[in-house]
Amino acid sequence: MQTSLAYITTLLRKDFTDYCNQKLGELGLSQGMLFFILYVGKHPACSPKDLAKALHMDIGHTTRSIVKLEQADLLLQETNPLDRRAHILTLTEKGEQAFKLSHELFYSWDNEVLAAFSAEEREQLMKLLEKLIQSDQHCVRRSKSY
């Protein structure tokens, strides 16, 4: 019986989630909240609406997540000085640390998962996965959000 790409992807996602939750737990951050940190870190002074749209989340879930991140001292929500009816989001110092750690997590997880691969095999695998993403319009749309 041949294993499907969906099954392998699911296993890798679960492993990555567990790995992130273990490492990020020290900062009071879960893997689910990681993508909020990544987006705000790459788009300082974004609005909650922009964040929700980019992450394909409803505004209610996004608002609850913002509150949790504020309580964990990872995110600041302030009134937009250009439009007092709107808010902007920025990372706190602790949020900036989490943002930097997240990049380290991606590389360290890659190194652990790909430890048995040669440099040539890693390069070939990454090229094939990039080709897969480029050929699937749905993946391309989602990957640009982060």
N, C-alpha and C. Protein backbone atom coordinates (compact mmCIF):
# COMPACT_ATOMS: atom_id res chain seq x y z
N MET A 1 0.84 -1.19 0.00
CA MET A 1 0.00 0.00 0.00
C MET A 1 0.89 1.25 0.00
N GLN A 2 0.59 2.17 -0.88
CA GLN A 2 1.37 3.38 -1.01
C GLN A 2 0.88 4.44 -0.02
N THR A 3 1.81 5.11 0.64
CA THR A 3 1.46 6.18 1.57
C THR A 3 1.15 7.45 0.77
N SER A 4 0.16 8.19 1.21
CA SER A 4 -0.23 9.41 0.49
C SER A 4 0.55 10.63 0.99
N LEU A 5 0.62 11.63 0.14
CA LEU A 5 1.24 12.90 0.50
C LEU A 5 0.48 13.54 1.66
N ALA A 6 -0.84 13.42 1.64
CA ALA A 6 -1.66 13.99 2.72
C ALA A 6 -1.29 13.38 4.07
N TYR A 7 -1.09 12.07 4.10
CA TYR A 7 -0.73 11.38 5.34
C TYR A 7 0.64 11.85 5.83
N ILE A 8 1.61 11.88 4.93
CA ILE A 8 2.97 12.31 5.31
C ILE A 8 2.95 13.76 5.78
N THR A 9 2.22 14.61 5.09
CA THR A 9 2.11 16.01 5.47
C THR A 9 1.49 16.15 6.86
N THR A 10 0.48 15.35 7.14
CA THR A 10 -0.18 15.37 8.44
C THR A 10 0.79 14.97 9.55
N LEU A 11 1.57 13.92 9.30
CA LEU A 11 2.56 13.48 10.30
C LEU A 11 3.61 14.56 10.56
N LEU A 12 4.10 15.16 9.49
CA LEU A 12 5.11 16.21 9.64
C LEU A 12 4.53 17.43 10.37
N ARG A 13 3.31 17.79 10.04
CA ARG A 13 2.66 18.93 10.71
C ARG A 13 2.50 18.67 12.21
N LYS A 14 2.07 17.45 12.56
CA LYS A 14 1.91 17.11 13.97
C LYS A 14 3.25 17.18 14.69
N ASP A 15 4.29 16.64 14.06
CA ASP A 15 5.61 16.67 14.67
C ASP A 15 6.09 18.11 14.85
N PHE A 16 5.89 18.95 13.84
CA PHE A 16 6.30 20.34 13.92
C PHE A 16 5.52 21.07 15.01
N THR A 17 4.22 20.82 15.09
CA THR A 17 3.38 21.44 16.12
C THR A 17 3.85 21.05 17.51
N ASP A 18 4.10 19.77 17.73
CA ASP A 18 4.59 19.30 19.04
C ASP A 18 5.93 19.94 19.38
N TYR A 19 6.82 20.00 18.40
CA TYR A 19 8.15 20.59 18.58
C TYR A 19 8.03 22.07 18.97
N CYS A 20 7.20 22.80 18.23
CA CYS A 20 7.01 24.23 18.51
C CYS A 20 6.39 24.46 19.88
N ASN A 21 5.35 23.69 20.19
CA ASN A 21 4.69 23.86 21.48
C ASN A 21 5.66 23.63 22.63
N GLN A 22 6.54 22.65 22.49
CA GLN A 22 7.52 22.38 23.53
C GLN A 22 8.48 23.56 23.69
N LYS A 23 9.01 24.06 22.58
CA LYS A 23 9.99 25.14 22.63
C LYS A 23 9.35 26.50 22.98
N LEU A 24 8.17 26.75 22.44
CA LEU A 24 7.51 28.04 22.65
C LEU A 24 6.82 28.14 24.00
N GLY A 25 6.56 27.01 24.62
CA GLY A 25 5.89 26.99 25.92
C GLY A 25 6.63 27.81 26.96
N GLU A 26 7.95 27.89 26.82
CA GLU A 26 8.76 28.67 27.75
C GLU A 26 8.40 30.16 27.70
N LEU A 27 7.89 30.61 26.56
CA LEU A 27 7.49 32.02 26.41
C LEU A 27 5.99 32.22 26.62
N GLY A 28 5.30 31.15 26.97
CA GLY A 28 3.85 31.24 27.14
C GLY A 28 3.13 31.33 25.80
N LEU A 29 3.73 30.75 24.78
CA LEU A 29 3.21 30.85 23.42
C LEU A 29 2.98 29.45 22.86
N SER A 30 1.88 29.26 22.15
CA SER A 30 1.61 27.98 21.49
C SER A 30 1.89 28.11 20.00
N GLN A 31 1.97 26.98 19.34
CA GLN A 31 2.21 26.99 17.90
C GLN A 31 1.07 27.70 17.17
N GLY A 32 -0.14 27.57 17.68
CA GLY A 32 -1.28 28.26 17.07
C GLY A 32 -1.13 29.77 17.09
N MET A 33 -0.53 30.30 18.15
CA MET A 33 -0.32 31.74 18.27
C MET A 33 0.91 32.21 17.50
N LEU A 34 1.77 31.26 17.16
CA LEU A 34 3.01 31.59 16.47
C LEU A 34 2.77 32.37 15.18
N PHE A 35 1.77 31.98 14.42
CA PHE A 35 1.54 32.64 13.14
C PHE A 35 1.06 34.08 13.30
N PHE A 36 0.40 34.38 14.42
CA PHE A 36 0.03 35.77 14.72
C PHE A 36 1.31 36.59 14.95
N ILE A 37 2.23 36.02 15.72
CA ILE A 37 3.51 36.68 16.00
C ILE A 37 4.30 36.88 14.70
N LEU A 38 4.34 35.85 13.87
CA LEU A 38 5.08 35.95 12.61
C LEU A 38 4.53 37.05 11.71
N TYR A 39 3.21 37.12 11.61
CA TYR A 39 2.61 38.13 10.73
C TYR A 39 2.86 39.54 11.27
N VAL A 40 2.61 39.75 12.55
CA VAL A 40 2.81 41.10 13.11
C VAL A 40 4.29 41.47 13.07
N GLY A 41 5.17 40.50 13.30
CA GLY A 41 6.61 40.77 13.22
C GLY A 41 7.04 41.21 11.83
N LYS A 42 6.41 40.64 10.81
CA LYS A 42 6.75 41.00 9.42
C LYS A 42 5.97 42.22 8.93
N HIS A 43 4.87 42.55 9.62
CA HIS A 43 4.01 43.67 9.21
C HIS A 43 3.69 44.55 10.42
N PRO A 44 4.70 45.23 10.99
CA PRO A 44 4.45 46.07 12.17
C PRO A 44 3.40 47.14 11.86
N ALA A 45 2.61 47.45 12.86
CA ALA A 45 1.54 48.45 12.77
C ALA A 45 0.41 48.00 11.84
N CYS A 46 0.25 46.68 11.68
CA CYS A 46 -0.89 46.18 10.90
C CYS A 46 -2.15 46.29 11.75
N SER A 47 -3.29 46.19 11.10
CA SER A 47 -4.55 46.24 11.83
C SER A 47 -5.02 44.82 12.16
N PRO A 48 -5.86 44.67 13.17
CA PRO A 48 -6.43 43.35 13.46
C PRO A 48 -7.16 42.77 12.24
N LYS A 49 -7.81 43.63 11.47
CA LYS A 49 -8.53 43.17 10.27
C LYS A 49 -7.55 42.60 9.24
N ASP A 50 -6.43 43.29 9.03
CA ASP A 50 -5.40 42.79 8.11
C ASP A 50 -4.85 41.45 8.57
N LEU A 51 -4.62 41.34 9.87
CA LEU A 51 -4.11 40.10 10.46
C LEU A 51 -5.09 38.95 10.22
N ALA A 52 -6.35 39.18 10.51
CA ALA A 52 -7.38 38.15 10.32
C ALA A 52 -7.46 37.71 8.87
N LYS A 53 -7.44 38.67 7.98
CA LYS A 53 -7.53 38.36 6.55
C LYS A 53 -6.31 37.56 6.09
N ALA A 54 -5.13 37.97 6.49
CA ALA A 54 -3.90 37.30 6.06
C ALA A 54 -3.82 35.86 6.56
N LEU A 55 -4.32 35.62 7.77
CA LEU A 55 -4.24 34.28 8.36
C LEU A 55 -5.50 33.46 8.10
N HIS A 56 -6.43 34.03 7.34
CA HIS A 56 -7.68 33.32 7.01
C HIS A 56 -8.44 32.92 8.27
N MET A 57 -8.52 33.85 9.22
CA MET A 57 -9.23 33.64 10.49
C MET A 57 -10.41 34.59 10.55
N ASP A 58 -11.44 34.20 11.29
CA ASP A 58 -12.54 35.15 11.48
C ASP A 58 -12.10 36.18 12.52
N ILE A 59 -12.73 37.33 12.48
CA ILE A 59 -12.33 38.45 13.34
C ILE A 59 -12.52 38.14 14.82
N GLY A 60 -13.53 37.33 15.16
CA GLY A 60 -13.74 36.96 16.56
C GLY A 60 -12.58 36.15 17.12
N HIS A 61 -12.14 35.15 16.37
CA HIS A 61 -11.00 34.34 16.80
C HIS A 61 -9.75 35.20 16.89
N THR A 62 -9.57 36.07 15.91
CA THR A 62 -8.40 36.95 15.89
C THR A 62 -8.41 37.87 17.11
N THR A 63 -9.55 38.43 17.44
CA THR A 63 -9.66 39.32 18.60
C THR A 63 -9.32 38.58 19.89
N ARG A 64 -9.84 37.37 20.05
CA ARG A 64 -9.53 36.57 21.26
C ARG A 64 -8.03 36.26 21.32
N SER A 65 -7.44 35.96 20.19
CA SER A 65 -6.01 35.66 20.15
C SER A 65 -5.18 36.89 20.48
N ILE A 66 -5.59 38.04 19.99
CA ILE A 66 -4.89 39.29 20.29
C ILE A 66 -4.92 39.55 21.79
N VAL A 67 -6.07 39.35 22.42
CA VAL A 67 -6.19 39.55 23.87
C VAL A 67 -5.23 38.61 24.61
N LYS A 68 -5.18 37.35 24.21
CA LYS A 68 -4.26 36.39 24.86
C LYS A 68 -2.81 36.82 24.68
N LEU A 69 -2.47 37.29 23.49
CA LEU A 69 -1.09 37.72 23.24
C LEU A 69 -0.76 38.99 24.02
N GLU A 70 -1.73 39.87 24.20
CA GLU A 70 -1.52 41.06 25.03
C GLU A 70 -1.31 40.66 26.49
N GLN A 71 -2.13 39.73 26.98
CA GLN A 71 -2.01 39.27 28.36
C GLN A 71 -0.67 38.58 28.61
N ALA A 72 -0.12 37.95 27.58
CA ALA A 72 1.17 37.28 27.70
C ALA A 72 2.33 38.24 27.46
N ASP A 73 2.02 39.53 27.29
CA ASP A 73 3.01 40.58 27.05
C ASP A 73 3.83 40.32 25.79
N LEU A 74 3.16 39.82 24.74
CA LEU A 74 3.82 39.55 23.47
C LEU A 74 3.41 40.55 22.39
N LEU A 75 2.28 41.22 22.60
CA LEU A 75 1.70 42.07 21.57
C LEU A 75 1.09 43.31 22.21
N LEU A 76 1.19 44.43 21.51
CA LEU A 76 0.53 45.68 21.92
C LEU A 76 -0.52 46.04 20.88
N GLN A 77 -1.69 46.42 21.36
CA GLN A 77 -2.74 46.93 20.48
C GLN A 77 -2.98 48.38 20.89
N GLU A 78 -2.72 49.28 19.97
CA GLU A 78 -2.84 50.70 20.27
C GLU A 78 -3.76 51.38 19.26
N THR A 79 -4.25 52.54 19.64
CA THR A 79 -5.07 53.32 18.72
C THR A 79 -4.19 53.83 17.58
N ASN A 80 -4.70 53.71 16.38
CA ASN A 80 -3.98 54.19 15.20
C ASN A 80 -3.95 55.72 15.25
N PRO A 81 -2.77 56.33 15.26
CA PRO A 81 -2.70 57.80 15.35
C PRO A 81 -3.31 58.50 14.13
N LEU A 82 -3.42 57.80 13.01
CA LEU A 82 -4.00 58.39 11.80
C LEU A 82 -5.51 58.23 11.71
N ASP A 83 -6.04 57.27 12.49
CA ASP A 83 -7.48 57.02 12.49
C ASP A 83 -7.85 56.49 13.87
N ARG A 84 -8.36 57.36 14.72
CA ARG A 84 -8.61 57.00 16.12
C ARG A 84 -9.66 55.90 16.28
N ARG A 85 -10.39 55.57 15.22
CA ARG A 85 -11.38 54.49 15.30
C ARG A 85 -10.72 53.12 15.09
N ALA A 86 -9.52 53.11 14.59
CA ALA A 86 -8.84 51.85 14.25
C ALA A 86 -7.70 51.57 15.22
N HIS A 87 -7.23 50.34 15.20
CA HIS A 87 -6.11 49.93 16.05
C HIS A 87 -4.96 49.42 15.20
N ILE A 88 -3.75 49.49 15.77
CA ILE A 88 -2.57 48.91 15.14
C ILE A 88 -1.92 47.93 16.12
N LEU A 89 -1.25 46.95 15.57
CA LEU A 89 -0.60 45.91 16.37
C LEU A 89 0.91 45.98 16.20
N THR A 90 1.61 45.87 17.32
CA THR A 90 3.07 45.78 17.28
C THR A 90 3.52 44.76 18.32
N LEU A 91 4.70 44.22 18.11
CA LEU A 91 5.25 43.26 19.06
C LEU A 91 5.92 44.00 20.22
N THR A 92 5.81 43.43 21.40
CA THR A 92 6.55 43.93 22.55
C THR A 92 7.98 43.39 22.45
N GLU A 93 8.81 43.75 23.41
CA GLU A 93 10.18 43.21 23.43
C GLU A 93 10.13 41.68 23.53
N LYS A 94 9.26 41.17 24.38
CA LYS A 94 9.09 39.72 24.52
C LYS A 94 8.56 39.12 23.21
N GLY A 95 7.67 39.85 22.54
CA GLY A 95 7.15 39.41 21.25
C GLY A 95 8.24 39.35 20.19
N GLU A 96 9.13 40.33 20.23
CA GLU A 96 10.28 40.34 19.30
C GLU A 96 11.17 39.12 19.55
N GLN A 97 11.37 38.77 20.82
CA GLN A 97 12.15 37.58 21.14
C GLN A 97 11.48 36.33 20.58
N ALA A 98 10.16 36.26 20.72
CA ALA A 98 9.41 35.11 20.19
C ALA A 98 9.50 35.07 18.67
N PHE A 99 9.47 36.24 18.04
CA PHE A 99 9.59 36.32 16.58
C PHE A 99 10.95 35.78 16.13
N LYS A 100 12.01 36.18 16.81
CA LYS A 100 13.35 35.69 16.47
C LYS A 100 13.47 34.19 16.74
N LEU A 101 12.93 33.76 17.88
CA LEU A 101 12.97 32.33 18.23
C LEU A 101 12.23 31.50 17.19
N SER A 102 11.14 32.03 16.66
CA SER A 102 10.35 31.27 15.69
C SER A 102 11.17 30.94 14.46
N HIS A 103 11.99 31.87 14.02
CA HIS A 103 12.85 31.60 12.86
C HIS A 103 13.88 30.52 13.19
N GLU A 104 14.42 30.59 14.39
CA GLU A 104 15.36 29.55 14.83
C GLU A 104 14.67 28.20 14.90
N LEU A 105 13.41 28.18 15.34
CA LEU A 105 12.65 26.93 15.44
C LEU A 105 12.49 26.27 14.08
N PHE A 106 12.18 27.05 13.07
CA PHE A 106 11.99 26.50 11.73
C PHE A 106 13.28 25.80 11.28
N TYR A 107 14.42 26.47 11.46
CA TYR A 107 15.69 25.89 11.02
C TYR A 107 16.10 24.70 11.87
N SER A 108 15.92 24.78 13.17
CA SER A 108 16.33 23.66 14.03
C SER A 108 15.46 22.44 13.80
N TRP A 109 14.14 22.64 13.58
CA TRP A 109 13.26 21.50 13.28
C TRP A 109 13.66 20.88 11.94
N ASP A 110 13.90 21.72 10.94
CA ASP A 110 14.36 21.21 9.64
C ASP A 110 15.60 20.34 9.81
N ASN A 111 16.56 20.84 10.58
CA ASN A 111 17.80 20.08 10.78
C ASN A 111 17.57 18.76 11.48
N GLU A 112 16.68 18.73 12.45
CA GLU A 112 16.37 17.47 13.14
C GLU A 112 15.66 16.49 12.22
N VAL A 113 14.66 16.96 11.51
CA VAL A 113 13.86 16.09 10.65
C VAL A 113 14.68 15.58 9.46
N LEU A 114 15.57 16.41 8.96
CA LEU A 114 16.34 16.05 7.77
C LEU A 114 17.75 15.55 8.10
N ALA A 115 17.99 15.19 9.35
CA ALA A 115 19.33 14.78 9.78
C ALA A 115 19.88 13.60 8.98
N ALA A 116 19.03 12.68 8.56
CA ALA A 116 19.49 11.49 7.83
C ALA A 116 19.72 11.78 6.34
N PHE A 117 19.40 12.98 5.89
CA PHE A 117 19.54 13.33 4.48
C PHE A 117 20.89 13.98 4.22
N SER A 118 21.47 13.70 3.07
CA SER A 118 22.69 14.40 2.66
C SER A 118 22.29 15.81 2.22
N ALA A 119 23.28 16.67 2.06
CA ALA A 119 23.01 18.04 1.60
C ALA A 119 22.34 18.01 0.23
N GLU A 120 22.77 17.11 -0.61
CA GLU A 120 22.19 16.98 -1.96
C GLU A 120 20.73 16.52 -1.88
N GLU A 121 20.44 15.57 -1.01
CA GLU A 121 19.07 15.09 -0.84
C GLU A 121 18.17 16.18 -0.28
N ARG A 122 18.68 16.95 0.67
CA ARG A 122 17.90 18.07 1.23
C ARG A 122 17.54 19.07 0.14
N GLU A 123 18.54 19.41 -0.66
CA GLU A 123 18.32 20.38 -1.73
C GLU A 123 17.29 19.85 -2.73
N GLN A 124 17.40 18.59 -3.09
CA GLN A 124 16.46 17.98 -4.03
C GLN A 124 15.04 17.97 -3.46
N LEU A 125 14.92 17.59 -2.18
CA LEU A 125 13.61 17.56 -1.54
C LEU A 125 12.98 18.95 -1.53
N MET A 126 13.75 19.96 -1.15
CA MET A 126 13.22 21.32 -1.09
C MET A 126 12.80 21.81 -2.47
N LYS A 127 13.57 21.48 -3.50
CA LYS A 127 13.19 21.88 -4.86
C LYS A 127 11.89 21.22 -5.28
N LEU A 128 11.73 19.94 -4.95
CA LEU A 128 10.49 19.24 -5.30
C LEU A 128 9.29 19.81 -4.55
N LEU A 129 9.47 20.13 -3.28
CA LEU A 129 8.37 20.72 -2.50
C LEU A 129 8.02 22.11 -3.01
N GLU A 130 9.03 22.90 -3.36
CA GLU A 130 8.77 24.23 -3.94
C GLU A 130 8.00 24.09 -5.25
N LYS A 131 8.37 23.11 -6.06
CA LYS A 131 7.67 22.87 -7.32
C LYS A 131 6.21 22.50 -7.05
N LEU A 132 5.99 21.69 -6.03
CA LEU A 132 4.63 21.30 -5.66
C LEU A 132 3.81 22.52 -5.25
N ILE A 133 4.38 23.38 -4.43
CA ILE A 133 3.69 24.58 -3.98
C ILE A 133 3.39 25.51 -5.16
N GLN A 134 4.35 25.68 -6.05
CA GLN A 134 4.15 26.55 -7.20
C GLN A 134 3.08 26.02 -8.14
N SER A 135 2.92 24.70 -8.19
CA SER A 135 1.94 24.12 -9.10
C SER A 135 0.53 24.10 -8.53
N ASP A 136 0.40 24.33 -7.24
CA ASP A 136 -0.91 24.29 -6.59
C ASP A 136 -1.31 25.71 -6.19
N GLN A 137 -2.24 26.30 -6.91
CA GLN A 137 -2.64 27.68 -6.67
C GLN A 137 -3.13 27.92 -5.25
N HIS A 138 -3.81 26.93 -4.67
CA HIS A 138 -4.31 27.09 -3.30
C HIS A 138 -3.14 27.25 -2.33
N CYS A 139 -2.11 26.44 -2.46
CA CYS A 139 -0.93 26.55 -1.58
C CYS A 139 -0.24 27.89 -1.76
N VAL A 140 -0.14 28.34 -2.99
CA VAL A 140 0.54 29.61 -3.26
C VAL A 140 -0.19 30.75 -2.57
N ARG A 141 -1.52 30.77 -2.65
CA ARG A 141 -2.29 31.83 -2.00
C ARG A 141 -2.03 31.86 -0.51
N ARG A 142 -2.06 30.70 0.13
CA ARG A 142 -1.90 30.64 1.58
C ARG A 142 -0.47 30.95 2.00
N SER A 143 0.51 30.49 1.25
CA SER A 143 1.90 30.66 1.66
C SER A 143 2.32 32.13 1.65
N LYS A 144 1.68 32.97 0.87
CA LYS A 144 2.04 34.38 0.81
C LYS A 144 1.55 35.15 2.03
N SER A 145 0.66 34.57 2.81
CA SER A 145 0.10 35.26 3.97
C SER A 145 1.11 35.45 5.08
N TYR A 146 2.03 34.56 5.24
CA TYR A 146 2.94 34.57 6.36
C TYR A 146 4.16 35.30 5.94
